[in-house]
Amino acid sequence: MQPELDLFAILPEDKIPEKGKILISEPFLPDTFFNRSIIYLTDHTPQGSVGFILNKKLDLKLNAALEGFEDWNENLNMGGPVAPDTLHYLHNLGDLIPKSVLVEGNIFWGGDIDTIRELIKMGQISQSQIRFFLGYSGWSAGQLERELKEDSWVIAKVTSDIIMNNRGNDTWKRVLRSFKNKYRMWADFPDSPEMN
């Protein structure tokens, strides 16, 4: 059994999405990709939003999917339904990876893949420093705001440890159980409302 999460969570009632926050899907969201998902927003502008699902591990390892990563024996994550044949990554390596984009705090998005490949070959990147995703989650202008008004998502702010190190499929429940408010009971809802 994994220990309780130690996280700093803010659940704003105004439902304002911002990069660096997470979206937690409501328990009965009917979407196949987003059901019981936690999504880290890496970009949010009036033109739309981009994020990555943190708790959906794929049955595919990076070293089997991409040449040059033979030493990286970790599963890829499903980032979302958009462009599922593209590779994306979040890391806390900062300026060590050229062309990285700061999301918030010590979390960066993207950067030069050749540098990452070389650092992995030299054993200078650990699995707690980088996460790889196939595809991403995207919303067009106003779409995420509409979904928030429909109560499809709850917005929270969590520590970078949740973003980088909590990779299990049980993370959705564990994050909800860490809250000291009405959302905590969502964690124990059955997968289907009919089972209630």
C-alpha atoms as a PDB file:
ATOM      1  CA  MET A   1       0.000   0.000   0.000  1.00  0.00           C
ATOM      2  CA  GLN A   2       1.381   3.379  -0.971  1.00  0.00           C
ATOM      3  CA  PRO A   3       1.642   6.122   1.687  1.00  0.00           C
ATOM      4  CA  GLU A   4      -0.736   9.044   1.717  1.00  0.00           C
ATOM      5  CA  LEU A   5       0.287  11.817  -0.633  1.00  0.00           C
ATOM      6  CA  ASP A   6       1.872  14.873   0.901  1.00  0.00           C
ATOM      7  CA  LEU A   7       0.676  17.665  -1.338  1.00  0.00           C
ATOM      8  CA  PHE A   8      -0.291  21.274  -1.245  1.00  0.00           C
ATOM      9  CA  ALA A   9      -3.658  21.558  -2.911  1.00  0.00           C
ATOM     10  CA  ILE A  10      -5.751  24.615  -3.650  1.00  0.00           C
ATOM     11  CA  LEU A  11      -9.186  24.049  -5.091  1.00  0.00           C
ATOM     12  CA  PRO A  12     -10.336  27.438  -6.325  1.00  0.00           C
ATOM     13  CA  GLU A  13     -14.066  27.934  -6.545  1.00  0.00           C
ATOM     14  CA  ASP A  14     -13.691  30.368  -9.444  1.00  0.00           C
ATOM     15  CA  LYS A  15     -12.586  27.559 -11.815  1.00  0.00           C
ATOM     16  CA  ILE A  16      -9.852  29.549 -13.526  1.00  0.00           C
ATOM     17  CA  PRO A  17      -7.486  27.264 -15.461  1.00  0.00           C
ATOM     18  CA  GLU A  18      -3.814  28.237 -15.608  1.00  0.00           C
ATOM     19  CA  LYS A  19      -0.651  26.518 -16.741  1.00  0.00           C
ATOM     20  CA  GLY A  20       0.966  24.661 -13.875  1.00  0.00           C
ATOM     21  CA  LYS A  21      -2.355  23.527 -12.396  1.00  0.00           C
ATOM     22  CA  ILE A  22      -3.956  20.117 -12.668  1.00  0.00           C
ATOM     23  CA  LEU A  23      -7.410  19.157 -13.875  1.00  0.00           C
ATOM     24  CA  ILE A  24      -9.091  16.296 -12.023  1.00  0.00           C
ATOM     25  CA  SER A  25     -11.945  14.649 -13.882  1.00  0.00           C
ATOM     26  CA  GLU A  26     -15.230  14.146 -12.084  1.00  0.00           C
ATOM     27  CA  PRO A  27     -15.913  10.467 -11.296  1.00  0.00           C
ATOM     28  CA  PHE A  28     -18.417   9.712 -14.045  1.00  0.00           C
ATOM     29  CA  LEU A  29     -16.945  11.665 -16.944  1.00  0.00           C
ATOM     30  CA  PRO A  30     -18.037   9.478 -19.883  1.00  0.00           C
ATOM     31  CA  ASP A  31     -15.002  10.202 -22.066  1.00  0.00           C
ATOM     32  CA  THR A  32     -12.797   7.130 -22.620  1.00  0.00           C
ATOM     33  CA  PHE A  33      -9.540   9.085 -22.567  1.00  0.00           C
ATOM     34  CA  PHE A  34     -10.313  11.385 -19.669  1.00  0.00           C
ATOM     35  CA  ASN A  35     -12.302   9.118 -17.341  1.00  0.00           C
ATOM     36  CA  ARG A  36     -10.702   9.360 -13.882  1.00  0.00           C
ATOM     37  CA  SER A  37      -7.791  11.376 -15.211  1.00  0.00           C
ATOM     38  CA  ILE A  38      -5.441  13.944 -13.805  1.00  0.00           C
ATOM     39  CA  ILE A  39      -4.133  16.356 -16.429  1.00  0.00           C
ATOM     40  CA  TYR A  40      -1.233  18.748 -15.937  1.00  0.00           C
ATOM     41  CA  LEU A  41      -1.784  21.972 -17.869  1.00  0.00           C
ATOM     42  CA  THR A  42       1.394  23.089 -19.615  1.00  0.00           C
ATOM     43  CA  ASP A  43      -0.219  25.946 -21.518  1.00  0.00           C
ATOM     44  CA  HIS A  44      -3.416  27.959 -21.242  1.00  0.00           C
ATOM     45  CA  THR A  45      -4.161  31.042 -23.342  1.00  0.00           C
ATOM     46  CA  PRO A  46      -7.292  32.588 -24.878  1.00  0.00           C
ATOM     47  CA  GLN A  47      -6.484  30.478 -27.977  1.00  0.00           C
ATOM     48  CA  GLY A  48      -6.712  27.178 -26.093  1.00  0.00           C
ATOM     49  CA  SER A  49      -5.069  24.799 -23.641  1.00  0.00           C
ATOM     50  CA  VAL A  50      -2.544  21.957 -23.690  1.00  0.00           C
ATOM     51  CA  GLY A  51      -1.862  19.348 -21.038  1.00  0.00           C
ATOM     52  CA  PHE A  52      -0.775  15.778 -20.333  1.00  0.00           C
ATOM     53  CA  ILE A  53      -2.584  12.953 -18.551  1.00  0.00           C
ATOM     54  CA  LEU A  54      -0.450  11.997 -15.549  1.00  0.00           C
ATOM     55  CA  ASN A  55      -2.063   8.735 -14.513  1.00  0.00           C
ATOM     56  CA  LYS A  56      -2.534   6.605 -17.648  1.00  0.00           C
ATOM     57  CA  LYS A  57       0.470   4.376 -18.222  1.00  0.00           C
ATOM     58  CA  LEU A  58       0.741   2.655 -21.605  1.00  0.00           C
ATOM     59  CA  ASP A  59       1.784  -0.950 -22.082  1.00  0.00           C
ATOM     60  CA  LEU A  60       4.710   0.249 -24.211  1.00  0.00           C
ATOM     61  CA  LYS A  61       8.233   1.072 -23.118  1.00  0.00           C
ATOM     62  CA  LEU A  62      10.174   4.012 -24.537  1.00  0.00           C
ATOM     63  CA  ASN A  63      13.124   1.826 -25.536  1.00  0.00           C
ATOM     64  CA  ALA A  64      10.773  -0.345 -27.628  1.00  0.00           C
ATOM     65  CA  ALA A  65       9.109   2.633 -29.283  1.00  0.00           C
ATOM     66  CA  LEU A  66      12.053   4.881 -30.146  1.00  0.00           C
ATOM     67  CA  GLU A  67      15.616   4.245 -31.321  1.00  0.00           C
ATOM     68  CA  GLY A  68      18.460   5.573 -29.244  1.00  0.00           C
ATOM     69  CA  PHE A  69      16.788   5.018 -25.870  1.00  0.00           C
ATOM     70  CA  GLU A  70      17.928   1.445 -25.253  1.00  0.00           C
ATOM     71  CA  ASP A  71      18.820   2.207 -21.622  1.00  0.00           C
ATOM     72  CA  TRP A  72      15.399   3.665 -20.783  1.00  0.00           C
ATOM     73  CA  ASN A  73      13.189   0.767 -19.723  1.00  0.00           C
ATOM     74  CA  GLU A  74      10.184   2.766 -18.502  1.00  0.00           C
ATOM     75  CA  ASN A  75       6.622   2.744 -19.771  1.00  0.00           C
ATOM     76  CA  LEU A  76       5.353   5.627 -21.841  1.00  0.00           C
ATOM     77  CA  ASN A  77       2.332   7.539 -20.603  1.00  0.00           C
ATOM     78  CA  MET A  78      -0.750   8.402 -22.625  1.00  0.00           C
ATOM     79  CA  GLY A  79      -0.639  12.183 -22.819  1.00  0.00           C
ATOM     80  CA  GLY A  80      -4.035  12.456 -24.473  1.00  0.00           C
ATOM     81  CA  PRO A  81      -5.988  11.807 -27.642  1.00  0.00           C
ATOM     82  CA  VAL A  82      -4.422  14.537 -29.797  1.00  0.00           C
ATOM     83  CA  ALA A  83      -1.543  13.509 -32.114  1.00  0.00           C
ATOM     84  CA  PRO A  84      -1.075  10.119 -30.409  1.00  0.00           C
ATOM     85  CA  ASP A  85       1.973   9.343 -32.565  1.00  0.00           C
ATOM     86  CA  THR A  86       4.000  12.285 -31.194  1.00  0.00           C
ATOM     87  CA  LEU A  87       6.429  12.145 -28.263  1.00  0.00           C
ATOM     88  CA  HIS A  88       6.338  14.781 -25.513  1.00  0.00           C
ATOM     89  CA  TYR A  89       8.120  15.073 -22.194  1.00  0.00           C
ATOM     90  CA  LEU A  90       8.000  16.891 -18.882  1.00  0.00           C
ATOM     91  CA  HIS A  91      11.160  17.238 -16.832  1.00  0.00           C
ATOM     92  CA  ASN A  92      12.844  19.120 -14.004  1.00  0.00           C
ATOM     93  CA  LEU A  93      16.202  19.485 -15.768  1.00  0.00           C
ATOM     94  CA  GLY A  94      15.761  23.165 -16.635  1.00  0.00           C
ATOM     95  CA  ASP A  95      18.486  24.803 -18.688  1.00  0.00           C
ATOM     96  CA  LEU A  96      20.340  21.497 -18.971  1.00  0.00           C
ATOM     97  CA  ILE A  97      17.933  20.762 -21.854  1.00  0.00           C
ATOM     98  CA  PRO A  98      18.127  23.490 -24.536  1.00  0.00           C
ATOM     99  CA  LYS A  99      14.822  24.863 -25.861  1.00  0.00           C
ATOM    100  CA  SER A 100      12.871  23.689 -22.793  1.00  0.00           C
ATOM    101  CA  VAL A 101       9.832  25.747 -21.868  1.00  0.00           C
ATOM    102  CA  LEU A 102       9.294  26.600 -18.201  1.00  0.00           C
ATOM    103  CA  VAL A 103       5.775  25.639 -17.144  1.00  0.00           C
ATOM    104  CA  GLU A 104       5.891  26.543 -13.475  1.00  0.00           C
ATOM    105  CA  GLY A 105       8.255  26.113 -10.512  1.00  0.00           C
ATOM    106  CA  ASN A 106      10.841  23.521 -11.554  1.00  0.00           C
ATOM    107  CA  ILE A 107       8.726  21.772 -14.222  1.00  0.00           C
ATOM    108  CA  PHE A 108       9.739  22.167 -17.867  1.00  0.00           C
ATOM    109  CA  TRP A 109       8.107  20.986 -21.084  1.00  0.00           C
ATOM    110  CA  GLY A 110       9.941  19.761 -24.176  1.00  0.00           C
ATOM    111  CA  GLY A 111      13.418  20.709 -25.272  1.00  0.00           C
ATOM    112  CA  ASP A 112      16.132  19.211 -27.428  1.00  0.00           C
ATOM    113  CA  ILE A 113      15.551  15.447 -27.735  1.00  0.00           C
ATOM    114  CA  ASP A 114      19.158  14.764 -28.835  1.00  0.00           C
ATOM    115  CA  THR A 115      20.450  16.262 -25.581  1.00  0.00           C
ATOM    116  CA  ILE A 116      18.028  14.117 -23.604  1.00  0.00           C
ATOM    117  CA  ARG A 117      19.111  11.009 -25.523  1.00  0.00           C
ATOM    118  CA  GLU A 118      22.797  11.712 -24.814  1.00  0.00           C
ATOM    119  CA  LEU A 119      22.229  12.432 -21.114  1.00  0.00           C
ATOM    120  CA  ILE A 120      20.308   9.161 -20.771  1.00  0.00           C
ATOM    121  CA  LYS A 121      23.127   7.253 -22.525  1.00  0.00           C
ATOM    122  CA  MET A 122      25.613   8.788 -20.050  1.00  0.00           C
ATOM    123  CA  GLY A 123      23.373   7.862 -17.096  1.00  0.00           C
ATOM    124  CA  GLN A 124      22.857  11.496 -16.123  1.00  0.00           C
ATOM    125  CA  ILE A 125      19.039  11.462 -16.072  1.00  0.00           C
ATOM    126  CA  SER A 126      17.000   9.459 -13.575  1.00  0.00           C
ATOM    127  CA  GLN A 127      13.405   8.381 -14.004  1.00  0.00           C
ATOM    128  CA  SER A 128      12.290  10.873 -11.352  1.00  0.00           C
ATOM    129  CA  GLN A 129      13.583  13.727 -13.551  1.00  0.00           C
ATOM    130  CA  ILE A 130      11.666  13.120 -16.787  1.00  0.00           C
ATOM    131  CA  ARG A 131       8.357  11.679 -17.997  1.00  0.00           C
ATOM    132  CA  PHE A 132       7.569  10.710 -21.599  1.00  0.00           C
ATOM    133  CA  PHE A 133       4.103  10.888 -23.170  1.00  0.00           C
ATOM    134  CA  LEU A 134       2.534   9.818 -26.444  1.00  0.00           C
ATOM    135  CA  GLY A 135       0.050  12.425 -27.622  1.00  0.00           C
ATOM    136  CA  TYR A 136      -1.373  15.309 -25.644  1.00  0.00           C
ATOM    137  CA  SER A 137      -4.637  16.723 -24.376  1.00  0.00           C
ATOM    138  CA  GLY A 138      -5.814  19.856 -26.141  1.00  0.00           C
ATOM    139  CA  TRP A 139      -8.739  22.246 -25.988  1.00  0.00           C
ATOM    140  CA  SER A 140      -9.660  24.936 -28.498  1.00  0.00           C
ATOM    141  CA  ALA A 141     -10.526  28.493 -27.471  1.00  0.00           C
ATOM    142  CA  GLY A 142     -13.247  28.476 -24.810  1.00  0.00           C
ATOM    143  CA  GLN A 143     -13.658  24.682 -24.807  1.00  0.00           C
ATOM    144  CA  LEU A 144     -12.036  24.014 -21.422  1.00  0.00           C
ATOM    145  CA  GLU A 145     -13.969  26.869 -19.831  1.00  0.00           C
ATOM    146  CA  ARG A 146     -17.230  25.311 -21.090  1.00  0.00           C
ATOM    147  CA  GLU A 147     -16.254  21.933 -19.648  1.00  0.00           C
ATOM    148  CA  LEU A 148     -15.462  23.579 -16.313  1.00  0.00           C
ATOM    149  CA  LYS A 149     -18.908  25.207 -16.253  1.00  0.00           C
ATOM    150  CA  GLU A 150     -20.374  21.738 -16.846  1.00  0.00           C
ATOM    151  CA  ASP A 151     -18.452  20.507 -13.763  1.00  0.00           C
ATOM    152  CA  SER A 152     -16.429  17.982 -15.775  1.00  0.00           C
ATOM    153  CA  TRP A 153     -13.209  19.041 -14.021  1.00  0.00           C
ATOM    154  CA  VAL A 154     -11.918  20.321 -10.704  1.00  0.00           C
ATOM    155  CA  ILE A 155      -8.827  22.530 -10.739  1.00  0.00           C
ATOM    156  CA  ALA A 156      -6.065  22.081  -8.168  1.00  0.00           C
ATOM    157  CA  LYS A 157      -2.516  23.198  -7.527  1.00  0.00           C
ATOM    158  CA  VAL A 158      -0.160  20.451  -6.346  1.00  0.00           C
ATOM    159  CA  THR A 159       3.522  19.964  -5.610  1.00  0.00           C
ATOM    160  CA  SER A 160       5.947  19.107  -8.394  1.00  0.00           C
ATOM    161  CA  ASP A 161       6.364  15.665  -6.796  1.00  0.00           C
ATOM    162  CA  ILE A 162       2.825  14.780  -7.889  1.00  0.00           C
ATOM    163  CA  ILE A 163       3.665  15.807 -11.457  1.00  0.00           C
ATOM    164  CA  MET A 164       6.960  13.919 -11.705  1.00  0.00           C
ATOM    165  CA  ASN A 165       6.733  10.924  -9.383  1.00  0.00           C
ATOM    166  CA  ASN A 166       3.152   9.709  -9.062  1.00  0.00           C
ATOM    167  CA  ARG A 167       2.717   7.570 -12.155  1.00  0.00           C
ATOM    168  CA  GLY A 168       0.335   4.834 -11.071  1.00  0.00           C
ATOM    169  CA  ASN A 169      -3.199   4.370 -12.292  1.00  0.00           C
ATOM    170  CA  ASP A 170      -4.339   4.863  -8.677  1.00  0.00           C
ATOM    171  CA  THR A 171      -3.076   8.471  -8.590  1.00  0.00           C
ATOM    172  CA  TRP A 172      -6.553   9.888  -9.309  1.00  0.00           C
ATOM    173  CA  LYS A 173      -7.910   8.260  -6.140  1.00  0.00           C
ATOM    174  CA  ARG A 174      -4.851   9.077  -4.063  1.00  0.00           C
ATOM    175  CA  VAL A 175      -4.946  12.775  -4.960  1.00  0.00           C
ATOM    176  CA  LEU A 176      -8.668  13.012  -4.204  1.00  0.00           C
ATOM    177  CA  ARG A 177      -8.219  11.215  -0.869  1.00  0.00           C
ATOM    178  CA  SER A 178      -5.586  13.781   0.134  1.00  0.00           C
ATOM    179  CA  PHE A 179      -8.119  16.627  -0.076  1.00  0.00           C
ATOM    180  CA  LYS A 180      -9.902  17.731   3.055  1.00  0.00           C
ATOM    181  CA  ASN A 181     -13.117  18.796   1.354  1.00  0.00           C
ATOM    182  CA  LYS A 182     -16.139  17.500  -0.545  1.00  0.00           C
ATOM    183  CA  TYR A 183     -14.011  16.127  -3.402  1.00  0.00           C
ATOM    184  CA  ARG A 184     -12.427  13.531  -1.123  1.00  0.00           C
ATOM    185  CA  MET A 185     -15.527  11.299  -1.356  1.00  0.00           C
ATOM    186  CA  TRP A 186     -15.186  11.116  -5.161  1.00  0.00           C
ATOM    187  CA  ALA A 187     -12.285   8.700  -4.676  1.00  0.00           C
ATOM    188  CA  ASP A 188     -14.630   6.011  -3.390  1.00  0.00           C
ATOM    189  CA  PHE A 189     -17.349   6.380  -6.008  1.00  0.00           C
ATOM    190  CA  PRO A 190     -17.831   3.179  -8.040  1.00  0.00           C
ATOM    191  CA  ASP A 191     -16.647   3.174 -11.640  1.00  0.00           C
ATOM    192  CA  SER A 192     -20.255   3.088 -12.861  1.00  0.00           C
ATOM    193  CA  PRO A 193     -23.111   5.018 -11.224  1.00  0.00           C
ATOM    194  CA  GLU A 194     -25.353   1.935 -11.687  1.00  0.00           C
ATOM    195  CA  MET A 195     -23.168   0.099  -9.141  1.00  0.00           C
ATOM    196  CA  ASN A 196     -24.126   2.550  -6.425  1.00  0.00           C
END
